[in-house]
Protein backbone atom coordinates (compact mmCIF):
# COMPACT_ATOMS: atom_id res chain seq x y z
CA MET A 1 135.17 9.54 16.74
CA ASN A 2 134.20 10.91 20.13
CA ASN A 3 132.71 8.07 22.16
CA LYS A 4 130.07 10.40 23.66
CA VAL A 5 128.14 10.47 20.39
CA GLN A 6 124.69 8.96 20.75
CA ALA A 7 122.07 8.77 18.01
CA ILE A 8 118.42 9.36 18.86
CA GLY A 9 116.91 7.71 15.82
CA HIS A 10 115.93 9.27 12.51
CA HIS A 11 113.00 11.65 12.61
CA ASP A 12 111.75 14.57 10.59
CA SER A 13 109.10 17.14 11.34
CA THR A 14 106.65 15.54 8.88
CA ASN A 15 105.85 12.81 11.45
CA ASN A 16 103.11 14.89 13.06
CA LEU A 17 104.84 15.55 16.36
CA SER A 18 103.76 18.66 18.22
CA SER A 19 106.13 21.61 18.46
CA THR A 20 106.70 20.75 22.14
CA GLU A 21 107.58 17.14 21.28
CA GLU A 22 109.97 18.35 18.59
CA ASP A 23 111.65 20.70 21.08
CA GLU A 24 112.01 17.77 23.48
CA GLN A 25 113.69 15.71 20.75
CA LEU A 26 116.06 18.58 20.07
CA ALA A 27 116.78 19.03 23.79
CA CYS A 28 117.60 15.33 24.06
CA PHE A 29 120.06 15.65 21.18
CA ILE A 30 121.73 18.71 22.71
CA LYS A 31 121.96 17.05 26.15
CA ASN A 32 123.58 13.93 24.69
CA HIS A 33 126.06 15.92 22.60
CA PRO A 34 127.56 18.67 24.80
CA ARG A 35 130.19 19.80 22.26
CA LEU A 36 128.38 20.90 19.13
CA PHE A 37 129.76 22.03 15.81
CA VAL A 38 127.21 24.59 14.61
CA LEU A 39 126.82 25.71 11.01
CA THR A 40 124.54 28.71 10.42
CA GLY A 41 123.03 30.28 7.32
CA ALA A 42 120.74 33.04 6.11
CA GLY A 43 117.78 31.73 8.12
CA CYS A 44 119.47 33.09 11.25
CA SER A 45 119.44 36.63 9.85
CA THR A 46 116.09 36.93 8.11
CA ALA A 47 114.50 38.04 11.40
CA SER A 48 117.05 40.89 11.43
CA GLY A 49 115.64 42.18 8.16
CA LEU A 50 118.26 40.60 5.91
CA GLY A 51 117.03 38.57 2.95
CA ASP A 52 117.93 35.10 1.76
CA TYR A 53 118.59 33.79 -1.72
CA ARG A 54 116.52 30.60 -1.73
CA ASP A 55 112.89 29.60 -1.23
CA GLN A 56 111.59 26.74 0.91
CA GLN A 57 112.32 24.29 -1.91
CA GLY A 58 115.96 25.38 -2.03
CA GLN A 59 115.51 27.14 -5.39
CA TRP A 60 116.82 30.61 -6.23
CA LYS A 61 114.39 33.40 -5.35
CA ARG A 62 116.33 35.84 -7.53
CA ARG A 63 119.08 35.67 -10.10
CA GLN A 64 122.36 34.27 -8.90
CA PRO A 65 124.76 36.78 -7.32
CA ILE A 66 127.75 38.14 -9.20
CA THR A 67 130.74 35.81 -9.50
CA GLY A 68 134.24 36.74 -8.42
CA HIS A 69 135.53 36.31 -11.97
CA ILE A 70 132.97 38.75 -13.38
CA PHE A 71 133.57 41.27 -10.58
CA VAL A 72 137.30 41.37 -11.29
CA ASN A 73 137.18 41.23 -15.10
CA ASN A 74 134.03 43.10 -16.11
CA GLU A 75 134.10 46.83 -15.35
CA ALA A 76 130.44 47.39 -16.19
CA ALA A 77 129.34 44.56 -13.90
CA ARG A 78 131.64 45.85 -11.15
CA LYS A 79 130.13 49.34 -11.40
CA ARG A 80 126.65 47.83 -11.24
CA TYR A 81 127.64 45.86 -8.14
CA TRP A 82 128.92 48.94 -6.33
CA ALA A 83 125.92 51.05 -7.35
CA ARG A 84 123.55 48.44 -5.94
CA SER A 85 125.71 47.96 -2.86
CA SER A 86 125.82 51.70 -2.18
CA VAL A 87 122.04 51.60 -1.74
CA GLY A 88 121.93 48.37 0.26
CA TRP A 89 124.92 48.88 2.56
CA PRO A 90 123.47 51.39 5.09
CA SER A 91 120.57 49.11 6.01
CA PHE A 92 122.74 46.01 5.96
CA SER A 93 125.39 47.53 8.21
CA ASN A 94 122.78 48.72 10.71
CA ALA A 95 121.09 45.33 11.05
CA GLN A 96 120.95 44.00 14.62
CA PRO A 97 121.21 40.41 15.90
CA GLY A 98 118.09 38.31 16.31
CA LEU A 99 117.06 35.47 18.60
CA ALA A 100 119.19 32.88 16.82
CA HIS A 101 122.36 34.94 17.25
CA TYR A 102 121.74 35.61 20.94
CA ALA A 103 120.74 32.01 21.63
CA LEU A 104 123.92 30.64 20.07
CA GLN A 105 125.98 33.19 21.99
CA GLN A 106 124.42 31.74 25.14
CA PHE A 107 125.44 28.27 23.99
CA GLN A 108 129.00 29.53 23.67
CA GLN A 109 128.95 31.09 27.14
CA LEU A 110 127.73 27.79 28.55
CA GLN A 111 130.62 26.05 26.78
CA ARG A 112 128.34 23.89 24.67
CA LEU A 113 129.97 24.71 21.32
CA GLU A 114 133.13 23.34 19.79
CA LEU A 115 132.92 26.00 17.09
CA LEU A 116 130.37 28.11 15.24
CA VAL A 117 130.85 28.38 11.48
CA THR A 118 128.61 30.79 9.59
CA GLN A 119 127.93 31.11 5.88
CA ASN A 120 126.63 34.64 6.52
CA VAL A 121 128.76 37.71 5.85
CA ASP A 122 126.88 40.06 8.20
CA ARG A 123 128.88 39.57 11.45
CA LEU A 124 125.62 39.46 13.42
CA HIS A 125 126.94 36.59 15.54
CA GLN A 126 129.82 38.85 16.59
CA LYS A 127 127.43 41.76 17.23
CA ALA A 128 125.55 39.43 19.60
CA GLY A 129 128.77 38.89 21.58
CA HIS A 130 129.95 35.63 20.03
CA ASP A 131 133.75 35.64 19.95
CA ASN A 132 134.60 32.27 18.41
CA VAL A 133 133.16 32.42 14.91
CA VAL A 134 134.53 31.26 11.57
CA ASP A 135 133.17 33.48 8.80
CA LEU A 136 133.23 30.83 6.09
CA HIS A 137 132.42 33.27 3.28
CA GLY A 138 134.21 36.28 4.74
CA VAL A 139 132.57 39.55 5.83
CA LEU A 140 131.19 42.59 4.03
CA ALA A 141 132.47 44.95 6.71
CA THR A 142 135.89 45.35 5.06
CA VAL A 143 137.23 45.88 1.54
CA SER A 144 140.71 44.90 0.35
CA CYS A 145 142.94 45.58 -2.64
CA ILE A 146 143.43 42.48 -4.78
CA ASP A 147 146.96 43.69 -5.63
CA CYS A 148 148.58 44.93 -2.40
CA GLU A 149 145.99 43.60 0.11
CA HIS A 150 145.59 47.01 1.73
CA GLN A 151 142.35 46.87 3.72
CA ILE A 152 139.82 49.57 4.64
CA SER A 153 136.43 49.44 6.30
CA ARG A 154 133.35 49.18 4.13
CA ASP A 155 132.08 52.34 5.84
CA THR A 156 135.18 54.20 4.67
CA PHE A 157 134.74 52.90 1.15
CA GLN A 158 131.05 53.88 1.24
CA SER A 159 132.05 57.44 2.10
CA GLU A 160 134.57 57.53 -0.76
CA LEU A 161 132.06 56.01 -3.17
CA MET A 162 129.36 58.55 -2.29
CA THR A 163 131.78 61.50 -2.39
CA THR A 164 132.98 60.47 -5.85
CA ASN A 165 129.44 59.74 -7.08
CA PRO A 166 127.07 62.01 -5.10
CA TRP A 167 124.15 61.09 -7.39
CA LEU A 168 124.15 57.62 -5.81
CA GLY A 169 122.59 59.23 -2.74
CA SER A 170 119.38 59.89 -4.66
CA LEU A 171 118.81 56.23 -5.55
CA THR A 172 116.33 54.01 -3.76
CA ALA A 173 115.57 50.33 -4.21
CA ALA A 174 114.29 47.30 -2.33
CA HIS A 175 116.98 45.69 -0.24
CA ALA A 176 118.32 42.29 -1.29
CA PRO A 177 120.54 39.71 0.46
CA ASP A 178 124.14 40.45 1.45
CA GLY A 179 123.96 44.23 1.30
CA ASP A 180 122.68 44.25 -2.28
CA ALA A 181 119.68 46.17 -3.64
CA ASP A 182 117.23 45.44 -6.44
CA LEU A 183 118.46 48.33 -8.51
CA GLU A 184 118.67 48.46 -12.29
CA ILE A 185 120.56 51.31 -13.97
CA ASN A 186 121.17 51.15 -17.70
CA ASN A 187 123.93 53.73 -17.97
CA LEU A 188 126.78 53.75 -15.46
CA ASN A 189 129.40 55.24 -17.77
CA THR A 190 129.89 58.27 -15.53
CA MET A 191 130.27 56.24 -12.35
CA GLN A 192 133.74 56.16 -10.82
CA VAL A 193 134.82 53.39 -8.45
CA PRO A 194 137.52 54.63 -6.05
CA PRO A 195 140.78 52.67 -6.38
CA CYS A 196 143.05 51.50 -3.59
CA ASN A 197 144.51 54.60 -1.94
CA SER A 198 147.76 52.72 -1.33
CA CYS A 199 148.63 51.35 -4.78
CA GLY A 200 145.79 52.34 -7.09
CA GLY A 201 144.65 48.74 -7.47
CA LEU A 202 141.20 47.18 -7.55
CA LEU A 203 139.22 47.04 -4.31
CA LYS A 204 137.03 44.02 -3.60
CA PRO A 205 134.76 43.15 -0.66
CA ASP A 206 136.34 40.66 1.74
CA VAL A 207 133.83 37.96 0.89
CA VAL A 208 133.96 34.71 -1.04
CA PHE A 209 131.98 35.55 -4.14
CA PHE A 210 129.80 32.99 -5.85
CA GLY A 211 132.08 30.63 -7.78
CA GLU A 212 135.14 31.33 -5.62
CA ASN A 213 136.75 28.91 -3.17
CA VAL A 214 136.81 29.27 0.60
CA PRO A 215 140.46 29.65 1.73
CA LYS A 216 141.99 26.27 2.58
CA GLN A 217 143.10 27.37 6.04
CA THR A 218 139.53 28.41 6.88
CA VAL A 219 138.16 25.04 5.80
CA GLN A 220 140.87 23.20 7.71
CA ARG A 221 140.19 25.08 10.95
CA ALA A 222 136.51 24.19 10.66
CA MET A 223 137.22 20.54 9.81
CA ASN A 224 139.54 20.23 12.82
CA ALA A 225 136.76 21.53 15.07
CA LEU A 226 134.24 19.16 13.53
CA ALA A 227 136.57 16.25 14.24
CA ALA A 228 136.68 17.30 17.91
CA ALA A 229 132.91 17.79 18.20
CA ASP A 230 130.22 15.35 19.29
CA ALA A 231 127.73 16.22 16.56
CA LEU A 232 126.74 18.73 13.88
CA LEU A 233 123.85 21.17 14.29
CA VAL A 234 122.74 23.13 11.20
CA VAL A 235 120.76 26.29 11.93
CA GLY A 236 119.02 28.24 9.17
CA SER A 237 120.76 26.92 6.06
CA SER A 238 119.47 25.14 2.97
CA LEU A 239 122.99 23.73 2.48
CA MET A 240 122.60 24.11 -1.27
CA VAL A 241 126.09 25.60 -1.52
CA TYR A 242 128.83 22.99 -1.28
CA SER A 243 131.01 25.11 1.02
CA GLY A 244 128.55 24.39 3.86
CA PHE A 245 127.25 21.02 2.69
CA ARG A 246 130.78 19.58 2.86
CA PHE A 247 130.57 19.57 6.68
CA CYS A 248 127.47 17.37 6.54
CA ARG A 249 129.27 14.97 4.24
CA GLU A 250 132.25 14.85 6.60
CA ALA A 251 130.07 14.37 9.69
CA GLN A 252 128.23 11.54 7.95
CA ARG A 253 131.55 9.95 6.97
CA ARG A 254 132.70 10.11 10.58
CA GLY A 255 129.43 8.70 11.91
CA GLN A 256 128.57 11.94 13.73
CA PRO A 257 124.83 12.66 14.07
CA ILE A 258 123.39 15.65 12.22
CA VAL A 259 120.40 17.74 13.27
CA ILE A 260 118.95 20.45 11.03
CA ILE A 261 116.70 23.39 11.94
CA ASN A 262 115.59 25.14 8.78
CA ASN A 263 112.35 26.52 7.45
CA GLY A 264 112.38 24.58 4.18
CA LYS A 265 114.13 21.84 2.27
CA THR A 266 117.87 21.30 2.65
CA ARG A 267 120.44 19.38 0.69
CA ALA A 268 121.17 17.15 3.70
CA ASP A 269 117.64 16.24 4.84
CA ASP A 270 118.31 12.55 4.23
CA MET A 271 121.47 12.69 6.37
CA ALA A 272 119.81 14.14 9.47
CA ILE A 273 118.62 12.13 12.45
CA LEU A 274 116.30 15.07 13.24
CA LYS A 275 114.98 17.77 10.89
CA LEU A 276 112.86 20.59 12.30
CA GLN A 277 110.98 23.31 10.44
CA GLY A 278 110.01 26.71 11.78
CA ASP A 279 111.77 29.82 12.99
CA CYS A 280 115.29 28.82 13.99
CA GLY A 281 115.65 31.74 16.41
CA GLU A 282 112.61 30.72 18.43
CA ARG A 283 113.70 27.08 18.35
CA MET A 284 117.19 27.87 19.63
CA MET A 285 116.03 30.33 22.31
CA THR A 286 113.69 27.64 23.63
CA GLN A 287 116.71 25.34 23.95
CA VAL A 288 118.63 27.94 25.95
CA SER A 289 115.86 27.89 28.54
CA LEU A 290 116.12 24.09 28.72
CA LEU A 291 119.90 23.94 29.31
């Protein structure tokens, strides 16, 4: 383990410290650990108008998202997914980075990050100018054929979807996380989902659906970076999904300190030497000014 790692003693934000004192604790951690492995989640993007799936207790706010198995094997469910996505995609794709994204981009510019790994599929870190990001769960911006792997942009697929099903343009619904929409349609028999224009196969968003595994090479790249880092900083994630939680387990195994900034309970609260509540964007932007 990197011999620069220094613990600052366990603390959580229930110990009645002021916000300023908490920021000072966080600044001390960042100063003592100049090469951070950062893991981000939905809490980074809520300020950009994108929803999250869990409440402050880590419980589902809505029904669980569609699984990869159901998407591939159930035509009715797949049509429902694309109908909902056709409504949610325009707003999702137009979302702009928030404070958390810009703050972490500043951390990268100042060479304070070993790697940033995000569980989000919105590419808002990249929109903020961050150019060393591992998209742990993939991205919604592209769609690929599960047979021949031919890839097109989600914008292109949206155009094809709306041209084939012009009635989708009349639908409205509240936006939900990950480009989804709270839309219920009972009869989708007439809906047509455009096939791959290369082989006629089934097109699927380039994301790791619920119940699917993150590609091994993606996990390995992240684990290698964690091994080279001084500490782990979690920003805006409940860590309830194992794909992100695994990095906390590995950091704990290696004796690397963990700090969590999240507005609510996380799966790794008892592993952290420092746990801070509140808006993660404001917290991180404050730290930029202290570097």
